Amino acid sequence: MSKLEYLIAHCTATPAGRDIKKEDIIRWHTSPVSEGGRGWRSLGYSDMIYLDGSLINLTPFNQDDIVDPWEITNGAKGLNGKSRHFVYAGGLDIHPELCHMENLDELEFNEKYAPADTRTPAQLDTMDIYIKYMVKRHPHILVGGHNQVSSKPCPSFNMTKYLRSIGVEEKNILVTR
């Protein structure tokens, strides 16, 4: 058990508008590798924001300042025991230079899509409320994006700029390492 220190944002790394649900995340993270999953014992995220702005808990959270063993997720190596990780559905869009192509289906997934801020207005509203609630409830928490603690592009937008735009105090914004 450790003190809750971080709130880390993620994206599902799926195309804009793709409806991703809790069951998808569970399957992707906990199914055996032989079945296309990652084979993890726990999920990578604590909470999820659907396209329509609905917020769901993926793992239990007792709202205190301690990360109990059952609250630990696999969101960012080295921070998992002291973090809450949330994810929004989306984070990828068609490469801008490919938009004119007629046969996009012939391209591989990673050739077709690029990181992009695909948050819907409903997701933005929920994310604003969720982050502000977490900062109010846990005044010491540092909020940042997965890309600030790893070499991944996730959550596909500039988290620091976003946090400042919604009025999060500098003391709660994770400085990029």
Foldseek 3Di string as FASTA:
>chain_A
DAFAAAEAEFEPADAFPDWDDLVNQCCQDCPDVVVNHVNDPAGQAQWEQTLQQDIDGSFDDPLDRAQDPRRFHNNAPPCRRRYHYYYYYHFKYFDPVCPPPDPLVVDDPVNGIDGAPNRDPSNLVNVLVVVVVSCVSPVQYAYYYNVLRDVDCTPRDHGVVSCVVSPNDPNRYDDRD
